[in-house]
Amino acid sequence: MTAAMAPTLTRTAVKPFYFNTSAHLLRITRQKATNLSEFLQALRECPENSIFQHTFRTLQEHHFIREGFSNDFAHWALSACNEPSLAENLASVDVREFTSVAELRERFVQIVQSFLERSPVSATRSARETFYFCASDIVVIPTSFVAHTLPEFAEGLRQVSVHSLHHHFIEARLRLKLMSNDFSQWLLEDLGLPDAARQLNRIDIYTVTMENVRQQILRIVERALI
C-alpha cells in the first residue's frame, strides 16, 4: 500500500513537515516617491520583493488598523496624497488573483497610470509624506515542531506562533511564485491530500487575522482526519 492509499489518520508523509518561523530585516530600497509621478516610476523599477513587502507582508503588519486598505500603496494614496478614488482602486487589487509578482506589479502600474491620465494635475502635486519602497531580508528560524503524520501536523498548527503561520502560509508565496503555500504543498505532495490542499489555498487571507487563518486551516485538516 502506498502512502497515498493508507488511511489518512495513520498515513506517514513522504517527507516530514518542519515548522519554521522567520525574522524580517526591513531595508529601504533606492526607490522613493514624493508625488504620484515619482510613485509610478518607482513602481516600475522597484524589486519584486518590494511589491511583495507592501502587499502580502502588509497583511501581517498593518491589516488590523488599515480599515479595509489591504496594501501600503492604497494607504499612502489616501493619507499622503488625498486621492480617495485612487486609494480605492489600489485597495481593490486582490493578490489572490495573481500568479506572479510581475503581473501584480503591472496591475498597480496600470491603475496609477490610468488615474494620472484622467487627472494629470495630480501627477506632480507634493505628497504630505514621502513613500519609501521597502523590502525584507528573511532569516529563517527552525522551531521544535515536526510533523510526520496529519495528526502531528494538526498539533503543530495549534502550537506554533502566528509568525510561523505567516512564514509558511503567506511568506512562502513569494518563493512559490504566488501559486500556493507550504502547507498545501506538503498536503498535496507528501501526504497525497489534494482536496485539503486546494481548500487551504482558498482561505481568504485578506479579511481575517492570522489566528482566524489558523482556525480555518485546522478545521480543514481535522475534516481530512475523519
N, C-alpha and C. Protein backbone atom coordinates (compact mmCIF):
# COMPACT_ATOMS: atom_id res chain seq x y z
N MET A 1 0.85 -1.20 0.00
CA MET A 1 0.00 0.00 0.00
C MET A 1 0.88 1.24 0.00
N THR A 2 0.62 2.17 -0.90
CA THR A 2 1.39 3.41 -0.96
C THR A 2 0.93 4.36 0.12
N ALA A 3 1.73 5.42 0.35
CA ALA A 3 1.38 6.41 1.37
C ALA A 3 0.04 7.05 1.06
N ALA A 4 -0.22 7.32 -0.25
CA ALA A 4 -1.47 7.97 -0.64
C ALA A 4 -2.68 7.07 -0.44
N MET A 5 -2.47 5.71 -0.41
CA MET A 5 -3.57 4.78 -0.25
C MET A 5 -3.84 4.46 1.22
N ALA A 6 -2.90 4.74 2.10
CA ALA A 6 -3.07 4.42 3.52
C ALA A 6 -4.14 5.31 4.14
N PRO A 7 -4.80 4.81 5.23
CA PRO A 7 -5.78 5.65 5.92
C PRO A 7 -5.16 6.98 6.34
N THR A 8 -5.92 8.05 6.20
CA THR A 8 -5.39 9.39 6.46
C THR A 8 -4.82 9.52 7.86
N LEU A 9 -5.49 8.93 8.84
CA LEU A 9 -5.08 9.09 10.23
C LEU A 9 -3.69 8.54 10.49
N THR A 10 -3.36 7.41 9.85
CA THR A 10 -2.08 6.75 10.12
C THR A 10 -1.07 6.93 8.98
N ARG A 11 -1.46 7.65 7.95
CA ARG A 11 -0.58 7.81 6.79
C ARG A 11 0.68 8.59 7.17
N THR A 12 1.83 8.06 6.82
CA THR A 12 3.09 8.74 7.08
C THR A 12 3.52 9.50 5.83
N ALA A 13 3.90 10.74 6.00
CA ALA A 13 4.27 11.58 4.87
C ALA A 13 5.56 11.09 4.22
N VAL A 14 5.68 11.35 2.93
CA VAL A 14 6.92 11.02 2.22
C VAL A 14 8.09 11.74 2.87
N LYS A 15 7.88 13.01 3.19
CA LYS A 15 8.88 13.81 3.91
C LYS A 15 8.19 14.52 5.06
N PRO A 16 8.83 14.63 6.20
CA PRO A 16 8.20 15.33 7.33
C PRO A 16 8.07 16.82 7.05
N PHE A 17 7.12 17.46 7.74
CA PHE A 17 6.97 18.90 7.63
C PHE A 17 7.67 19.55 8.82
N TYR A 18 8.64 20.39 8.53
CA TYR A 18 9.37 21.11 9.57
C TYR A 18 8.79 22.51 9.69
N PHE A 19 8.20 22.79 10.82
CA PHE A 19 7.66 24.13 11.06
C PHE A 19 8.80 25.10 11.34
N ASN A 20 8.88 26.13 10.54
CA ASN A 20 9.87 27.19 10.74
C ASN A 20 9.15 28.50 11.01
N THR A 21 9.89 29.45 11.46
CA THR A 21 9.41 30.82 11.54
C THR A 21 10.47 31.70 10.89
N SER A 22 10.27 32.98 10.86
CA SER A 22 11.26 33.83 10.21
C SER A 22 11.24 35.23 10.81
N ALA A 23 12.38 35.86 10.70
CA ALA A 23 12.52 37.26 11.09
C ALA A 23 12.80 38.07 9.84
N HIS A 24 12.22 39.25 9.76
CA HIS A 24 12.40 40.11 8.60
C HIS A 24 13.30 41.28 8.96
N LEU A 25 14.32 41.46 8.17
CA LEU A 25 15.19 42.62 8.34
C LEU A 25 14.79 43.64 7.27
N LEU A 26 13.99 44.59 7.69
CA LEU A 26 13.45 45.56 6.74
C LEU A 26 14.53 46.53 6.28
N ARG A 27 14.56 46.77 4.98
CA ARG A 27 15.51 47.73 4.44
C ARG A 27 14.80 48.63 3.43
N ILE A 28 15.28 49.84 3.32
CA ILE A 28 14.73 50.80 2.36
C ILE A 28 15.48 50.64 1.05
N THR A 29 14.75 50.52 -0.04
CA THR A 29 15.38 50.39 -1.35
C THR A 29 15.77 51.77 -1.89
N ARG A 30 16.26 51.80 -3.09
CA ARG A 30 16.66 53.08 -3.70
C ARG A 30 15.46 53.88 -4.20
N GLN A 31 14.31 53.25 -4.29
CA GLN A 31 13.14 53.93 -4.84
C GLN A 31 12.35 54.65 -3.75
N LYS A 32 11.92 55.86 -4.06
CA LYS A 32 11.05 56.63 -3.17
C LYS A 32 10.21 57.56 -4.04
N ALA A 33 9.16 58.10 -3.44
CA ALA A 33 8.26 58.96 -4.20
C ALA A 33 7.77 60.11 -3.34
N THR A 34 7.84 61.32 -3.89
CA THR A 34 7.30 62.49 -3.22
C THR A 34 6.02 62.98 -3.89
N ASN A 35 5.69 62.37 -5.02
CA ASN A 35 4.43 62.66 -5.71
C ASN A 35 4.03 61.43 -6.52
N LEU A 36 2.88 61.48 -7.15
CA LEU A 36 2.36 60.30 -7.85
C LEU A 36 3.14 59.97 -9.13
N SER A 37 3.71 60.99 -9.76
CA SER A 37 4.53 60.73 -10.94
C SER A 37 5.77 59.92 -10.56
N GLU A 38 6.42 60.30 -9.48
CA GLU A 38 7.58 59.56 -9.00
C GLU A 38 7.16 58.17 -8.50
N PHE A 39 5.97 58.11 -7.92
CA PHE A 39 5.46 56.83 -7.42
C PHE A 39 5.28 55.83 -8.56
N LEU A 40 4.74 56.30 -9.67
CA LEU A 40 4.54 55.44 -10.83
C LEU A 40 5.87 54.92 -11.36
N GLN A 41 6.85 55.79 -11.45
CA GLN A 41 8.16 55.37 -11.93
C GLN A 41 8.80 54.37 -10.98
N ALA A 42 8.66 54.62 -9.69
CA ALA A 42 9.24 53.71 -8.70
C ALA A 42 8.55 52.35 -8.72
N LEU A 43 7.24 52.34 -8.94
CA LEU A 43 6.52 51.08 -9.06
C LEU A 43 7.11 50.22 -10.18
N ARG A 44 7.49 50.86 -11.26
CA ARG A 44 8.04 50.14 -12.41
C ARG A 44 9.44 49.59 -12.12
N GLU A 45 10.20 50.28 -11.27
CA GLU A 45 11.62 49.97 -11.10
C GLU A 45 11.96 49.18 -9.85
N CYS A 46 11.11 49.20 -8.84
CA CYS A 46 11.46 48.59 -7.56
C CYS A 46 11.58 47.07 -7.68
N PRO A 47 12.33 46.42 -6.80
CA PRO A 47 12.47 44.96 -6.87
C PRO A 47 11.15 44.27 -6.54
N GLU A 48 11.01 43.04 -7.02
CA GLU A 48 9.78 42.28 -6.76
C GLU A 48 9.54 42.11 -5.26
N ASN A 49 10.60 41.96 -4.51
CA ASN A 49 10.47 41.81 -3.06
C ASN A 49 9.78 43.01 -2.44
N SER A 50 9.96 44.18 -3.04
CA SER A 50 9.33 45.39 -2.54
C SER A 50 7.82 45.37 -2.81
N ILE A 51 7.43 44.92 -3.99
CA ILE A 51 6.00 44.77 -4.28
C ILE A 51 5.37 43.81 -3.29
N PHE A 52 6.04 42.70 -3.03
CA PHE A 52 5.55 41.71 -2.06
C PHE A 52 5.48 42.31 -0.66
N GLN A 53 6.49 43.10 -0.31
CA GLN A 53 6.54 43.72 1.01
C GLN A 53 5.32 44.58 1.27
N HIS A 54 4.94 45.38 0.31
CA HIS A 54 3.87 46.35 0.52
C HIS A 54 2.47 45.79 0.24
N THR A 55 2.40 44.51 -0.08
CA THR A 55 1.09 43.88 -0.31
C THR A 55 0.91 42.70 0.64
N PHE A 56 1.55 41.58 0.36
CA PHE A 56 1.37 40.39 1.19
C PHE A 56 1.84 40.60 2.62
N ARG A 57 3.01 41.21 2.81
CA ARG A 57 3.52 41.37 4.18
C ARG A 57 2.71 42.39 4.96
N THR A 58 2.06 43.28 4.26
CA THR A 58 1.18 44.24 4.93
C THR A 58 0.08 43.53 5.70
N LEU A 59 -0.33 42.38 5.22
CA LEU A 59 -1.39 41.63 5.90
C LEU A 59 -1.00 41.33 7.34
N GLN A 60 0.26 40.97 7.54
CA GLN A 60 0.73 40.65 8.89
C GLN A 60 0.97 41.91 9.71
N GLU A 61 1.50 42.94 9.08
CA GLU A 61 2.00 44.08 9.83
C GLU A 61 0.94 45.12 10.18
N HIS A 62 -0.03 45.34 9.27
CA HIS A 62 -0.90 46.50 9.45
C HIS A 62 -2.40 46.28 9.25
N HIS A 63 -2.83 45.08 8.85
CA HIS A 63 -4.21 44.99 8.41
C HIS A 63 -5.21 45.19 9.54
N PHE A 64 -4.79 45.15 10.81
CA PHE A 64 -5.70 45.41 11.92
C PHE A 64 -6.14 46.87 11.96
N ILE A 65 -5.32 47.78 11.46
CA ILE A 65 -5.60 49.20 11.64
C ILE A 65 -5.83 49.95 10.34
N ARG A 66 -5.85 49.25 9.22
CA ARG A 66 -5.93 49.94 7.95
C ARG A 66 -7.36 50.15 7.45
N GLU A 67 -8.35 49.72 8.22
CA GLU A 67 -9.75 49.98 7.91
C GLU A 67 -10.09 49.62 6.47
N GLY A 68 -9.70 48.43 6.06
CA GLY A 68 -10.08 47.94 4.76
C GLY A 68 -9.04 48.12 3.67
N PHE A 69 -8.04 49.01 3.88
CA PHE A 69 -6.99 49.14 2.87
C PHE A 69 -6.01 48.00 3.02
N SER A 70 -5.90 47.22 1.98
CA SER A 70 -5.18 45.96 2.07
C SER A 70 -3.71 46.06 1.67
N ASN A 71 -3.25 47.23 1.28
CA ASN A 71 -1.83 47.36 0.94
C ASN A 71 -1.34 48.77 1.23
N ASP A 72 -0.03 48.90 1.34
CA ASP A 72 0.58 50.18 1.69
C ASP A 72 0.39 51.23 0.61
N PHE A 73 0.31 50.81 -0.65
CA PHE A 73 0.14 51.75 -1.74
C PHE A 73 -1.17 52.52 -1.60
N ALA A 74 -2.24 51.79 -1.31
CA ALA A 74 -3.55 52.42 -1.15
C ALA A 74 -3.57 53.36 0.05
N HIS A 75 -2.94 52.94 1.12
CA HIS A 75 -2.91 53.77 2.33
C HIS A 75 -2.20 55.09 2.06
N TRP A 76 -1.07 55.05 1.35
CA TRP A 76 -0.32 56.27 1.05
C TRP A 76 -1.11 57.17 0.10
N ALA A 77 -1.77 56.58 -0.88
CA ALA A 77 -2.55 57.38 -1.83
C ALA A 77 -3.63 58.18 -1.13
N LEU A 78 -4.19 57.62 -0.06
CA LEU A 78 -5.22 58.34 0.68
C LEU A 78 -4.63 59.30 1.70
N SER A 79 -3.76 58.78 2.57
CA SER A 79 -3.29 59.58 3.70
C SER A 79 -2.28 60.66 3.30
N ALA A 80 -1.44 60.39 2.30
CA ALA A 80 -0.39 61.34 1.92
C ALA A 80 -0.75 62.15 0.68
N CYS A 81 -1.55 61.57 -0.21
CA CYS A 81 -1.88 62.25 -1.47
C CYS A 81 -3.31 62.76 -1.53
N ASN A 82 -4.12 62.35 -0.56
CA ASN A 82 -5.54 62.77 -0.52
C ASN A 82 -6.25 62.45 -1.84
N GLU A 83 -6.06 61.24 -2.31
CA GLU A 83 -6.69 60.79 -3.55
C GLU A 83 -7.53 59.55 -3.24
N PRO A 84 -8.74 59.73 -2.71
CA PRO A 84 -9.54 58.57 -2.28
C PRO A 84 -9.92 57.62 -3.41
N SER A 85 -10.18 58.14 -4.60
CA SER A 85 -10.57 57.24 -5.69
C SER A 85 -9.39 56.36 -6.11
N LEU A 86 -8.20 56.94 -6.15
CA LEU A 86 -7.01 56.14 -6.46
C LEU A 86 -6.78 55.12 -5.36
N ALA A 87 -6.92 55.54 -4.13
CA ALA A 87 -6.73 54.63 -3.00
C ALA A 87 -7.68 53.45 -3.08
N GLU A 88 -8.93 53.71 -3.41
CA GLU A 88 -9.91 52.63 -3.51
C GLU A 88 -9.55 51.66 -4.62
N ASN A 89 -9.09 52.19 -5.74
CA ASN A 89 -8.70 51.31 -6.86
C ASN A 89 -7.49 50.46 -6.49
N LEU A 90 -6.53 51.06 -5.81
CA LEU A 90 -5.35 50.30 -5.38
C LEU A 90 -5.73 49.24 -4.34
N ALA A 91 -6.64 49.61 -3.45
CA ALA A 91 -7.07 48.68 -2.41
C ALA A 91 -7.89 47.53 -2.97
N SER A 92 -8.50 47.74 -4.12
CA SER A 92 -9.37 46.71 -4.71
C SER A 92 -8.59 45.57 -5.34
N VAL A 93 -7.28 45.72 -5.48
CA VAL A 93 -6.46 44.67 -6.08
C VAL A 93 -6.41 43.47 -5.14
N ASP A 94 -6.87 42.33 -5.61
CA ASP A 94 -6.89 41.10 -4.82
C ASP A 94 -5.68 40.27 -5.23
N VAL A 95 -4.70 40.18 -4.32
CA VAL A 95 -3.45 39.50 -4.67
C VAL A 95 -3.66 38.02 -4.98
N ARG A 96 -4.79 37.46 -4.53
CA ARG A 96 -5.05 36.04 -4.78
C ARG A 96 -5.29 35.74 -6.26
N GLU A 97 -5.57 36.77 -7.04
CA GLU A 97 -5.86 36.57 -8.46
C GLU A 97 -4.59 36.47 -9.31
N PHE A 98 -3.44 36.69 -8.72
CA PHE A 98 -2.21 36.80 -9.50
C PHE A 98 -1.31 35.60 -9.28
N THR A 99 -0.64 35.21 -10.35
CA THR A 99 0.25 34.05 -10.30
C THR A 99 1.72 34.45 -10.41
N SER A 100 1.99 35.74 -10.42
CA SER A 100 3.38 36.21 -10.39
C SER A 100 3.41 37.63 -9.85
N VAL A 101 4.53 37.97 -9.23
CA VAL A 101 4.69 39.33 -8.72
C VAL A 101 4.76 40.32 -9.88
N ALA A 102 5.30 39.89 -11.01
CA ALA A 102 5.37 40.76 -12.18
C ALA A 102 3.97 41.18 -12.63
N GLU A 103 3.04 40.24 -12.64
CA GLU A 103 1.67 40.56 -13.02
C GLU A 103 1.02 41.48 -11.99
N LEU A 104 1.31 41.23 -10.72
CA LEU A 104 0.77 42.08 -9.66
C LEU A 104 1.31 43.51 -9.79
N ARG A 105 2.59 43.64 -10.04
CA ARG A 105 3.19 44.96 -10.25
C ARG A 105 2.50 45.68 -11.41
N GLU A 106 2.32 44.97 -12.52
CA GLU A 106 1.74 45.58 -13.71
C GLU A 106 0.32 46.09 -13.43
N ARG A 107 -0.42 45.38 -12.59
CA ARG A 107 -1.77 45.83 -12.26
C ARG A 107 -1.72 47.15 -11.51
N PHE A 108 -0.83 47.28 -10.55
CA PHE A 108 -0.70 48.55 -9.83
C PHE A 108 -0.24 49.67 -10.76
N VAL A 109 0.69 49.37 -11.64
CA VAL A 109 1.16 50.36 -12.61
C VAL A 109 0.00 50.84 -13.48
N GLN A 110 -0.82 49.92 -13.95
CA GLN A 110 -1.97 50.29 -14.80
C GLN A 110 -2.94 51.20 -14.05
N ILE A 111 -3.18 50.90 -12.79
CA ILE A 111 -4.13 51.70 -12.01
C ILE A 111 -3.62 53.13 -11.85
N VAL A 112 -2.36 53.28 -11.47
CA VAL A 112 -1.80 54.62 -11.24
C VAL A 112 -1.70 55.37 -12.57
N GLN A 113 -1.26 54.69 -13.61
CA GLN A 113 -1.12 55.33 -14.92
C GLN A 113 -2.47 55.82 -15.43
N SER A 114 -3.50 55.00 -15.31
CA SER A 114 -4.84 55.39 -15.76
C SER A 114 -5.36 56.58 -14.96
N PHE A 115 -5.10 56.56 -13.66
CA PHE A 115 -5.54 57.68 -12.83
C PHE A 115 -4.88 58.98 -13.26
N LEU A 116 -3.58 58.94 -13.51
CA LEU A 116 -2.85 60.16 -13.88
C LEU A 116 -3.24 60.64 -15.27
N GLU A 117 -3.65 59.73 -16.14
CA GLU A 117 -4.14 60.14 -17.46
C GLU A 117 -5.46 60.90 -17.33
N ARG A 118 -6.27 60.50 -16.35
CA ARG A 118 -7.55 61.19 -16.12
C ARG A 118 -7.36 62.46 -15.30
N SER A 119 -6.33 62.48 -14.46
CA SER A 119 -6.11 63.62 -13.57
C SER A 119 -4.64 64.02 -13.60
N PRO A 120 -4.15 64.59 -14.69
CA PRO A 120 -2.73 64.92 -14.82
C PRO A 120 -2.26 65.95 -13.80
N VAL A 121 -3.18 66.77 -13.30
CA VAL A 121 -2.77 67.77 -12.32
C VAL A 121 -2.29 67.13 -11.03
N SER A 122 -2.70 65.90 -10.78
CA SER A 122 -2.29 65.20 -9.55
C SER A 122 -0.87 64.66 -9.62
N ALA A 123 -0.30 64.58 -10.82
CA ALA A 123 0.97 63.88 -11.00
C ALA A 123 2.11 64.49 -10.20
N THR A 124 2.21 65.82 -10.20
CA THR A 124 3.35 66.47 -9.56
C THR A 124 2.99 67.17 -8.26
N ARG A 125 1.76 66.99 -7.79
CA ARG A 125 1.36 67.57 -6.50
C ARG A 125 2.12 66.87 -5.38
N SER A 126 2.76 67.63 -4.53
CA SER A 126 3.59 67.05 -3.47
C SER A 126 2.74 66.30 -2.45
N ALA A 127 3.18 65.11 -2.11
CA ALA A 127 2.52 64.34 -1.07
C ALA A 127 2.89 64.88 0.31
N ARG A 128 2.05 64.60 1.28
CA ARG A 128 2.32 65.06 2.65
C ARG A 128 3.56 64.37 3.24
N GLU A 129 3.81 63.17 2.78
CA GLU A 129 4.99 62.45 3.25
C GLU A 129 5.53 61.58 2.11
N THR A 130 6.80 61.33 2.14
CA THR A 130 7.46 60.54 1.10
C THR A 130 7.12 59.06 1.28
N PHE A 131 6.90 58.38 0.15
CA PHE A 131 6.74 56.92 0.20
C PHE A 131 8.09 56.29 -0.08
N TYR A 132 8.58 55.53 0.88
CA TYR A 132 9.84 54.81 0.73
C TYR A 132 9.54 53.34 0.42
N PHE A 133 10.01 52.89 -0.71
CA PHE A 133 9.80 51.49 -1.08
C PHE A 133 10.76 50.62 -0.28
N CYS A 134 10.19 49.68 0.46
CA CYS A 134 10.98 48.83 1.34
C CYS A 134 10.96 47.39 0.85
N ALA A 135 11.89 46.61 1.35
CA ALA A 135 11.93 45.16 1.08
C ALA A 135 12.45 44.49 2.33
N SER A 136 12.37 43.19 2.39
CA SER A 136 12.81 42.45 3.57
C SER A 136 13.84 41.40 3.22
N ASP A 137 14.87 41.33 4.03
CA ASP A 137 15.78 40.19 4.01
C ASP A 137 15.29 39.23 5.08
N ILE A 138 15.14 37.97 4.72
CA ILE A 138 14.49 37.00 5.60
C ILE A 138 15.52 36.09 6.26
N VAL A 139 15.38 35.93 7.57
CA VAL A 139 16.19 34.97 8.32
C VAL A 139 15.26 33.87 8.79
N VAL A 140 15.45 32.65 8.29
CA VAL A 140 14.59 31.51 8.64
C VAL A 140 15.08 30.90 9.96
N ILE A 141 14.13 30.67 10.86
CA ILE A 141 14.45 30.15 12.19
C ILE A 141 13.66 28.86 12.41
N PRO A 142 14.33 27.74 12.65
CA PRO A 142 13.60 26.49 12.88
C PRO A 142 12.89 26.50 14.24
N THR A 143 11.78 25.78 14.32
CA THR A 143 11.10 25.57 15.59
C THR A 143 11.30 24.11 16.00
N SER A 144 10.74 23.74 17.13
CA SER A 144 10.87 22.36 17.62
C SER A 144 9.77 21.44 17.09
N PHE A 145 8.87 21.97 16.25
CA PHE A 145 7.71 21.19 15.81
C PHE A 145 7.98 20.57 14.44
N VAL A 146 7.76 19.24 14.38
CA VAL A 146 7.92 18.47 13.16
C VAL A 146 6.72 17.55 13.03
N ALA A 147 6.20 17.40 11.81
CA ALA A 147 5.04 16.53 11.58
C ALA A 147 5.38 15.44 10.58
N HIS A 148 5.11 14.18 10.98
CA HIS A 148 5.27 13.05 10.08
C HIS A 148 3.91 12.53 9.61
N THR A 149 2.86 12.90 10.36
CA THR A 149 1.50 12.44 10.05
C THR A 149 0.56 13.64 10.13
N LEU A 150 -0.67 13.45 9.66
CA LEU A 150 -1.63 14.54 9.70
C LEU A 150 -2.00 14.93 11.14
N PRO A 151 -2.18 13.98 12.07
CA PRO A 151 -2.42 14.40 13.46
C PRO A 151 -1.27 15.23 14.04
N GLU A 152 -0.03 14.86 13.72
CA GLU A 152 1.10 15.64 14.20
C GLU A 152 1.11 17.03 13.56
N PHE A 153 0.70 17.09 12.30
CA PHE A 153 0.61 18.37 11.61
C PHE A 153 -0.43 19.27 12.28
N ALA A 154 -1.58 18.72 12.62
CA ALA A 154 -2.63 19.48 13.30
C ALA A 154 -2.13 19.99 14.64
N GLU A 155 -1.39 19.16 15.37
CA GLU A 155 -0.88 19.59 16.67
C GLU A 155 0.15 20.70 16.50
N GLY A 156 0.98 20.59 15.49
CA GLY A 156 1.94 21.66 15.23
C GLY A 156 1.24 22.97 14.90
N LEU A 157 0.18 22.91 14.11
CA LEU A 157 -0.59 24.11 13.77
C LEU A 157 -1.16 24.77 15.02
N ARG A 158 -1.55 23.95 16.00
CA ARG A 158 -2.10 24.51 17.25
C ARG A 158 -1.02 25.20 18.08
N GLN A 159 0.20 24.73 17.98
CA GLN A 159 1.24 25.16 18.90
C GLN A 159 2.12 26.31 18.38
N VAL A 160 2.34 26.37 17.08
CA VAL A 160 3.30 27.35 16.57
C VAL A 160 2.74 28.77 16.66
N SER A 161 3.64 29.73 16.58
CA SER A 161 3.24 31.14 16.65
C SER A 161 2.61 31.60 15.35
N VAL A 162 1.94 32.75 15.40
CA VAL A 162 1.37 33.30 14.17
C VAL A 162 2.47 33.69 13.19
N HIS A 163 3.67 33.94 13.69
CA HIS A 163 4.79 34.28 12.80
C HIS A 163 5.17 33.06 11.96
N SER A 164 5.08 31.88 12.55
CA SER A 164 5.34 30.66 11.80
C SER A 164 4.25 30.44 10.76
N LEU A 165 3.00 30.68 11.14
CA LEU A 165 1.90 30.57 10.19
C LEU A 165 2.10 31.50 9.01
N HIS A 166 2.47 32.74 9.30
CA HIS A 166 2.70 33.72 8.25
C HIS A 166 3.84 33.28 7.34
N HIS A 167 4.90 32.74 7.93
CA HIS A 167 6.05 32.30 7.15
C HIS A 167 5.66 31.23 6.14
N HIS A 168 4.87 30.25 6.58
CA HIS A 168 4.53 29.12 5.71
C HIS A 168 3.32 29.39 4.81
N PHE A 169 2.41 30.25 5.27
CA PHE A 169 1.16 30.40 4.54
C PHE A 169 1.15 31.63 3.62
N ILE A 170 1.89 32.65 3.99
CA ILE A 170 1.90 33.88 3.19
C ILE A 170 3.29 34.15 2.62
N GLU A 171 4.30 34.14 3.47
CA GLU A 171 5.66 34.44 3.00
C GLU A 171 6.10 33.47 1.91
N ALA A 172 5.71 32.22 2.03
CA ALA A 172 6.11 31.20 1.06
C ALA A 172 5.61 31.50 -0.34
N ARG A 173 4.58 32.32 -0.46
CA ARG A 173 4.01 32.60 -1.77
C ARG A 173 5.00 33.32 -2.69
N LEU A 174 5.89 34.11 -2.12
CA LEU A 174 6.90 34.76 -2.96
C LEU A 174 7.85 33.72 -3.53
N ARG A 175 8.26 32.77 -2.69
CA ARG A 175 9.16 31.71 -3.13
C ARG A 175 8.48 30.77 -4.13
N LEU A 176 7.18 30.54 -3.93
CA LEU A 176 6.42 29.62 -4.77
C LEU A 176 5.70 30.36 -5.91
N LYS A 177 6.12 31.59 -6.20
CA LYS A 177 5.56 32.37 -7.31
C LYS A 177 4.05 32.59 -7.16
N LEU A 178 3.60 32.78 -5.91
CA LEU A 178 2.22 33.11 -5.57
C LEU A 178 1.23 31.97 -5.82
N MET A 179 1.71 30.82 -6.25
CA MET A 179 0.81 29.76 -6.68
C MET A 179 0.24 28.95 -5.52
N SER A 180 0.91 28.93 -4.39
CA SER A 180 0.45 28.06 -3.31
C SER A 180 1.10 28.51 -2.00
N ASN A 181 1.13 27.60 -1.03
CA ASN A 181 1.77 27.86 0.26
C ASN A 181 2.40 26.56 0.73
N ASP A 182 3.26 26.65 1.75
CA ASP A 182 3.99 25.46 2.20
C ASP A 182 3.06 24.36 2.71
N PHE A 183 2.00 24.75 3.41
CA PHE A 183 1.08 23.75 3.97
C PHE A 183 0.40 22.95 2.85
N SER A 184 -0.13 23.67 1.87
CA SER A 184 -0.80 22.99 0.75
C SER A 184 0.16 22.12 -0.03
N GLN A 185 1.38 22.61 -0.23
CA GLN A 185 2.37 21.83 -0.96
C GLN A 185 2.65 20.51 -0.26
N TRP A 186 2.77 20.55 1.06
CA TRP A 186 3.07 19.33 1.82
C TRP A 186 1.88 18.37 1.80
N LEU A 187 0.68 18.90 2.01
CA LEU A 187 -0.50 18.05 2.00
C LEU A 187 -0.67 17.37 0.64
N LEU A 188 -0.36 18.08 -0.42
CA LEU A 188 -0.52 17.53 -1.76
C LEU A 188 0.59 16.55 -2.10
N GLU A 189 1.84 16.98 -1.95
CA GLU A 189 2.97 16.22 -2.46
C GLU A 189 3.43 15.11 -1.52
N ASP A 190 3.29 15.32 -0.22
CA ASP A 190 3.86 14.36 0.73
C ASP A 190 2.83 13.53 1.49
N LEU A 191 1.58 13.99 1.51
CA LEU A 191 0.53 13.20 2.14
C LEU A 191 -0.54 12.74 1.16
N GLY A 192 -0.51 13.24 -0.06
CA GLY A 192 -1.48 12.82 -1.05
C GLY A 192 -2.90 13.24 -0.72
N LEU A 193 -3.06 14.49 -0.28
CA LEU A 193 -4.38 15.01 0.09
C LEU A 193 -4.70 16.25 -0.76
N PRO A 194 -5.02 16.07 -2.03
CA PRO A 194 -5.24 17.21 -2.93
C PRO A 194 -6.44 18.06 -2.54
N ASP A 195 -7.51 17.46 -2.04
CA ASP A 195 -8.70 18.24 -1.68
C ASP A 195 -8.39 19.20 -0.53
N ALA A 196 -7.72 18.70 0.50
CA ALA A 196 -7.35 19.56 1.63
C ALA A 196 -6.40 20.66 1.18
N ALA A 197 -5.47 20.31 0.28
CA ALA A 197 -4.52 21.31 -0.23
C ALA A 197 -5.25 22.43 -0.96
N ARG A 198 -6.23 22.07 -1.79
CA ARG A 198 -6.99 23.08 -2.53
C ARG A 198 -7.81 23.95 -1.59
N GLN A 199 -8.39 23.34 -0.57
CA GLN A 199 -9.20 24.11 0.37
C GLN A 199 -8.35 25.13 1.12
N LEU A 200 -7.14 24.75 1.50
CA LEU A 200 -6.25 25.70 2.17
C LEU A 200 -5.92 26.88 1.26
N ASN A 201 -5.71 26.62 -0.01
CA ASN A 201 -5.38 27.68 -0.95
C ASN A 201 -6.52 28.67 -1.14
N ARG A 202 -7.74 28.25 -0.82
CA ARG A 202 -8.89 29.12 -0.99
C ARG A 202 -9.20 29.98 0.24
N ILE A 203 -8.45 29.81 1.31
CA ILE A 203 -8.69 30.60 2.52
C ILE A 203 -8.45 32.08 2.22
N ASP A 204 -9.37 32.91 2.67
CA ASP A 204 -9.28 34.36 2.45
C ASP A 204 -8.28 34.95 3.43
N ILE A 205 -7.15 35.42 2.92
CA ILE A 205 -6.12 35.96 3.80
C ILE A 205 -6.27 37.46 4.01
N TYR A 206 -7.29 38.05 3.38
CA TYR A 206 -7.45 39.50 3.46
C TYR A 206 -8.28 39.97 4.64
N THR A 207 -9.40 39.31 4.88
CA THR A 207 -10.41 39.87 5.79
C THR A 207 -10.36 39.28 7.18
N VAL A 208 -9.35 38.47 7.49
CA VAL A 208 -9.29 37.82 8.80
C VAL A 208 -7.89 37.98 9.39
N THR A 209 -7.79 37.72 10.68
CA THR A 209 -6.50 37.75 11.35
C THR A 209 -5.78 36.42 11.13
N MET A 210 -4.49 36.39 11.47
CA MET A 210 -3.75 35.14 11.34
C MET A 210 -4.27 34.08 12.30
N GLU A 211 -4.80 34.47 13.44
CA GLU A 211 -5.39 33.48 14.35
C GLU A 211 -6.62 32.85 13.72
N ASN A 212 -7.39 33.66 12.99
CA ASN A 212 -8.54 33.11 12.30
C ASN A 212 -8.10 32.19 11.17
N VAL A 213 -7.02 32.56 10.48
CA VAL A 213 -6.46 31.69 9.45
C VAL A 213 -6.06 30.35 10.07
N ARG A 214 -5.44 30.39 11.25
CA ARG A 214 -5.05 29.16 11.94
C ARG A 214 -6.27 28.25 12.16
N GLN A 215 -7.36 28.85 12.63
CA GLN A 215 -8.57 28.06 12.91
C GLN A 215 -9.16 27.48 11.63
N GLN A 216 -9.13 28.24 10.55
CA GLN A 216 -9.65 27.72 9.28
C GLN A 216 -8.79 26.57 8.76
N ILE A 217 -7.48 26.70 8.88
CA ILE A 217 -6.59 25.62 8.46
C ILE A 217 -6.86 24.37 9.29
N LEU A 218 -6.98 24.56 10.59
CA LEU A 218 -7.23 23.43 11.48
C LEU A 218 -8.53 22.73 11.16
N ARG A 219 -9.57 23.49 10.84
CA ARG A 219 -10.85 22.85 10.51
C ARG A 219 -10.72 21.99 9.26
N ILE A 220 -9.99 22.48 8.27
CA ILE A 220 -9.80 21.71 7.03
C ILE A 220 -9.00 20.44 7.32
N VAL A 221 -7.94 20.58 8.12
CA VAL A 221 -7.10 19.42 8.45
C VAL A 221 -7.88 18.42 9.28
N GLU A 222 -8.65 18.90 10.23
CA GLU A 222 -9.42 17.98 11.09
C GLU A 222 -10.51 17.25 10.30
N ARG A 223 -11.09 17.92 9.31
CA ARG A 223 -12.07 17.23 8.46
C ARG A 223 -11.39 16.12 7.64
N ALA A 224 -10.15 16.37 7.24
CA ALA A 224 -9.42 15.36 6.48
C ALA A 224 -9.09 14.13 7.33
N LEU A 225 -9.07 14.30 8.65
CA LEU A 225 -8.76 13.19 9.55
C LEU A 225 -9.94 12.25 9.74
N ILE A 226 -11.14 12.73 9.43
CA ILE A 226 -12.34 11.93 9.69
C ILE A 226 -12.45 10.77 8.68
